[in-house]
Amino acid sequence: MIKAVIFDLDGVLVTTDELHFQAWKQLAEELGIEGFTKADNARQRGVSRMASLEVVLEKTDRKFSDEEKTALAEKKNDMYVKSLSSLSPLDVLEGVNNFIAYLRGKGVKIAVGSASKNTPLILTKTNLAHKFDAVSCGLDTQKSKPDPEVFLIAAQKLGIAPSECVVIEDSDAGIEAAKAGGMYAVAVGEAEHNKMADISAASVDGLYKTIEMFGR
C-alpha cells in the first residue's frame, strides 16, 4: 500500500534545466572548454554538483586539485543562484499543483527528494514550499544519485517505510536510486522510457491513477 510520494525537483516540479545549462556553459567557456552541449547537460541531470562538474572537466586535459574543483563548483552555483532571481510560481510545471492537491485529497504524504542544495530556495521562489510534508536535498546528503540516500532520508522524515513510497523522477540516476532504496519508481519526461521504472508517463499530468495502480 502506498502512503507517500517523493518528487524529484528539476524537471518534475519546476523547470530550471536551462538555467543550469547556461551556468555550466559559462563556466566551461571561462575555462577555455569548447563544445559543452545540452547532451552533456542531460548527463548532469539528477546527480551531485561535483559529479556534474566532472562532466565539464572531462572535456579538458587540464588537471585540477580538489580545492580548485570545489571552487569551480561554487562559482557555477553562484552563477546559477543569481539566475534564480527570475524564478516564480509561473515556472512550476503544468499539472503539478493539481496533482499535489489530488494526492492531498487521497491522504498521501508528499516530499521532495533532490540532489540540489538550492532546493529550499527554489521551493520558496515557486510558492511550493508549504505544500510538502518533508524535503530531502543536497543539504542533507553525503551521496548522490544513483545512491538512494536522498530518498531514504525523505522517507525517514515522513515516517513512512521505503516499500510504501513512490518516487517520481525524470533522470535515469534517480530511477536507479529509487529502486535501490526499495521504492516504486515512476519515470516522467526525459526518463519516460527507462526500463527500470514501474510506471512511465510523459508528464505528471499522466499520473492520476498511479496511487490506485500501486494498490492504495
Protein backbone atom coordinates (compact mmCIF):
# COMPACT_ATOMS: atom_id res chain seq x y z
CA MET A 1 0.00 0.00 0.00
CA ILE A 2 1.37 3.40 -0.99
CA LYS A 3 1.45 6.04 1.72
CA ALA A 4 3.88 8.61 0.27
CA VAL A 5 5.03 10.15 -2.99
CA ILE A 6 8.51 11.64 -3.26
CA PHE A 7 9.10 14.10 -6.09
CA ASP A 8 12.39 14.97 -7.72
CA LEU A 9 12.66 18.74 -8.21
CA ASP A 10 14.21 19.84 -11.50
CA GLY A 11 12.25 18.59 -14.48
CA VAL A 12 9.45 17.15 -12.34
CA LEU A 13 8.11 20.02 -10.24
CA VAL A 14 9.83 23.00 -11.83
CA THR A 15 11.89 23.71 -14.92
CA THR A 16 15.37 25.04 -14.18
CA ASP A 17 17.28 22.92 -16.70
CA GLU A 18 18.05 25.89 -18.96
CA LEU A 19 19.40 27.90 -16.02
CA HIS A 20 21.72 25.03 -15.06
CA PHE A 21 22.85 24.61 -18.66
CA GLN A 22 23.68 28.29 -19.09
CA ALA A 23 25.65 28.39 -15.82
CA TRP A 24 27.69 25.28 -16.67
CA LYS A 25 28.26 26.55 -20.22
CA GLN A 26 29.50 29.89 -18.91
CA LEU A 27 31.90 28.13 -16.53
CA ALA A 28 33.17 25.91 -19.36
CA GLU A 29 33.81 28.93 -21.59
CA GLU A 30 35.69 30.72 -18.81
CA LEU A 31 37.93 27.65 -18.53
CA GLY A 32 38.53 27.66 -22.28
CA ILE A 33 36.45 24.50 -22.74
CA GLU A 34 34.55 24.38 -26.01
CA GLY A 35 31.70 22.14 -27.07
CA PHE A 36 29.74 21.84 -23.83
CA THR A 37 26.32 20.87 -25.14
CA LYS A 38 22.81 20.16 -23.93
CA ALA A 39 23.59 16.47 -24.37
CA ASP A 40 26.36 16.91 -21.79
CA ASN A 41 23.96 18.82 -19.58
CA ALA A 42 21.49 15.92 -19.79
CA ARG A 43 24.15 13.67 -18.24
CA GLN A 44 24.24 16.01 -15.24
CA ARG A 45 20.56 15.53 -14.52
CA GLY A 46 19.88 14.11 -11.07
CA VAL A 47 23.50 13.89 -9.88
CA SER A 48 25.50 15.98 -7.43
CA ARG A 49 27.18 19.30 -8.15
CA MET A 50 30.66 17.75 -8.03
CA ALA A 51 29.66 14.88 -10.31
CA SER A 52 28.19 17.44 -12.71
CA LEU A 53 31.47 19.35 -12.68
CA GLU A 54 33.33 16.22 -13.80
CA VAL A 55 31.14 16.13 -16.93
CA VAL A 56 32.52 19.57 -17.80
CA LEU A 57 36.14 18.84 -16.86
CA GLU A 58 36.32 15.64 -18.89
CA LYS A 59 36.42 17.92 -21.93
CA THR A 60 39.83 19.29 -20.99
CA ASP A 61 43.27 17.79 -20.33
CA ARG A 62 43.90 20.28 -17.56
CA LYS A 63 44.22 18.83 -14.07
CA PHE A 64 42.56 20.42 -11.07
CA SER A 65 43.11 19.86 -7.36
CA ASP A 66 40.20 19.02 -5.09
CA GLU A 67 40.31 22.57 -3.76
CA GLU A 68 40.16 24.00 -7.26
CA LYS A 69 37.25 21.75 -8.15
CA THR A 70 35.35 22.86 -5.06
CA ALA A 71 35.94 26.49 -6.01
CA LEU A 72 34.76 25.87 -9.58
CA ALA A 73 31.60 24.14 -8.38
CA GLU A 74 30.87 27.04 -6.04
CA LYS A 75 31.47 29.53 -8.87
CA LYS A 76 28.96 27.73 -11.06
CA ASN A 77 26.47 27.65 -8.21
CA ASP A 78 26.87 31.39 -7.66
CA MET A 79 26.03 31.94 -11.34
CA TYR A 80 23.03 29.65 -11.06
CA VAL A 81 21.70 31.18 -7.83
CA LYS A 82 21.85 34.66 -9.37
CA SER A 83 19.74 33.38 -12.27
CA LEU A 84 17.13 32.09 -9.80
CA SER A 85 16.12 35.68 -9.07
CA SER A 86 13.83 35.40 -12.09
CA LEU A 87 12.14 32.21 -10.83
CA SER A 88 8.45 32.45 -9.91
CA PRO A 89 5.31 30.28 -9.50
CA LEU A 90 4.99 30.50 -13.29
CA ASP A 91 7.96 28.12 -13.54
CA VAL A 92 6.04 25.29 -11.84
CA LEU A 93 5.39 22.67 -14.50
CA GLU A 94 1.89 22.23 -15.83
CA GLY A 95 -0.30 19.94 -13.79
CA VAL A 96 1.94 19.86 -10.70
CA ASN A 97 -0.27 21.89 -8.36
CA ASN A 98 -3.37 19.95 -9.34
CA PHE A 99 -1.59 16.62 -8.84
CA ILE A 100 -0.36 17.69 -5.40
CA ALA A 101 -3.93 18.63 -4.45
CA TYR A 102 -5.11 15.24 -5.75
CA LEU A 103 -2.59 13.39 -3.56
CA ARG A 104 -3.55 15.51 -0.57
CA GLY A 105 -7.18 14.56 -1.15
CA LYS A 106 -6.15 10.90 -1.06
CA GLY A 107 -4.36 11.36 2.27
CA VAL A 108 -0.97 10.64 0.72
CA LYS A 109 2.12 12.21 2.29
CA ILE A 110 4.34 14.12 -0.14
CA ALA A 111 8.01 15.05 -0.09
CA VAL A 112 10.78 16.36 -2.31
CA GLY A 113 13.97 14.35 -2.87
CA SER A 114 16.55 16.35 -4.83
CA ALA A 115 20.32 16.45 -5.18
CA SER A 116 20.19 20.25 -5.34
CA LYS A 117 21.37 22.24 -2.33
CA ASN A 118 19.23 25.07 -3.68
CA THR A 119 16.00 23.10 -3.19
CA PRO A 120 14.64 25.23 -0.29
CA LEU A 121 15.25 28.45 -2.25
CA ILE A 122 13.60 27.09 -5.41
CA LEU A 123 10.57 25.82 -3.49
CA THR A 124 10.17 29.20 -1.83
CA LYS A 125 10.54 31.16 -5.08
CA THR A 126 7.91 28.99 -6.79
CA ASN A 127 5.49 29.06 -3.81
CA LEU A 128 5.69 25.28 -3.37
CA ALA A 129 7.49 25.06 -0.01
CA HIS A 130 4.37 24.94 2.17
CA LYS A 131 2.82 22.13 0.12
CA PHE A 132 5.27 19.38 1.17
CA ASP A 133 5.42 17.35 4.36
CA ALA A 134 9.19 16.90 4.08
CA VAL A 135 12.17 17.99 1.99
CA SER A 136 15.36 15.98 1.47
CA CYS A 137 18.08 17.62 -0.61
CA GLY A 138 21.80 18.06 -1.12
CA LEU A 139 21.99 19.82 2.26
CA ASP A 140 21.03 16.53 3.95
CA THR A 141 23.08 14.03 1.95
CA GLN A 142 26.63 12.77 1.54
CA LYS A 143 25.98 10.57 -1.50
CA SER A 144 24.43 11.47 -4.83
CA LYS A 145 22.03 9.51 -7.03
CA PRO A 146 22.06 6.69 -8.07
CA ASP A 147 22.70 6.11 -4.35
CA PRO A 148 19.25 6.07 -2.67
CA GLU A 149 20.28 8.21 0.31
CA VAL A 150 18.25 11.32 -0.63
CA PHE A 151 15.04 9.27 -0.99
CA LEU A 152 15.67 7.21 2.15
CA ILE A 153 16.09 10.42 4.14
CA ALA A 154 12.83 11.74 2.68
CA ALA A 155 11.03 8.55 3.73
CA GLN A 156 12.58 8.78 7.19
CA LYS A 157 11.45 12.39 7.57
CA LEU A 158 7.94 11.36 6.56
CA GLY A 159 7.97 8.37 8.92
CA ILE A 160 7.00 6.07 6.03
CA ALA A 161 8.67 2.77 5.10
CA PRO A 162 10.54 2.85 1.76
CA SER A 163 8.38 -0.01 0.46
CA GLU A 164 5.35 2.27 0.88
CA CYS A 165 6.84 5.14 -1.14
CA VAL A 166 6.62 6.07 -4.83
CA VAL A 167 9.37 8.22 -6.35
CA ILE A 168 8.64 10.39 -9.39
CA GLU A 169 11.81 11.08 -11.37
CA ASP A 170 12.95 12.39 -14.74
CA SER A 171 16.53 11.07 -14.61
CA ASP A 172 17.96 7.60 -15.06
CA ALA A 173 20.12 8.10 -11.97
CA GLY A 174 17.01 8.95 -9.96
CA ILE A 175 15.10 5.90 -11.17
CA GLU A 176 18.04 3.69 -10.23
CA ALA A 177 18.23 5.36 -6.82
CA ALA A 178 14.54 4.78 -6.13
CA LYS A 179 14.79 1.09 -6.98
CA ALA A 180 17.99 0.73 -4.93
CA GLY A 181 16.08 2.19 -1.98
CA GLY A 182 13.31 -0.39 -2.27
CA MET A 183 10.75 2.10 -3.57
CA TYR A 184 8.43 2.16 -6.55
CA ALA A 185 9.77 4.29 -9.40
CA VAL A 186 7.71 6.39 -11.78
CA ALA A 187 9.56 7.80 -14.79
CA VAL A 188 8.47 11.05 -16.43
CA GLY A 189 9.92 13.41 -19.01
CA GLU A 190 13.46 12.57 -20.09
CA ALA A 191 13.35 9.22 -18.25
CA GLU A 192 9.98 8.18 -19.65
CA HIS A 193 11.42 5.13 -21.43
CA ASN A 194 13.60 3.91 -18.55
CA LYS A 195 13.04 0.15 -18.32
CA MET A 196 13.75 0.03 -14.57
CA ALA A 197 10.70 2.16 -13.83
CA ASP A 198 7.49 0.54 -12.63
CA ILE A 199 5.35 3.09 -14.49
CA SER A 200 6.16 5.73 -17.11
CA ALA A 201 4.37 8.86 -18.27
CA ALA A 202 5.19 11.84 -20.43
CA SER A 203 4.47 14.22 -17.53
CA VAL A 204 2.89 14.49 -14.08
CA ASP A 205 -0.46 15.01 -15.83
CA GLY A 206 -0.46 11.34 -16.76
CA LEU A 207 -0.16 10.03 -13.21
CA TYR A 208 -3.60 10.42 -11.68
CA LYS A 209 -4.16 6.68 -11.47
CA THR A 210 -0.71 5.92 -10.09
CA ILE A 211 -1.74 5.53 -6.47
CA GLU A 212 -4.58 3.15 -7.39
CA MET A 213 -2.25 1.14 -9.64
CA PHE A 214 0.11 0.59 -6.72
CA GLY A 215 -2.70 -0.80 -4.63
CA ARG A 216 -3.70 2.05 -2.37
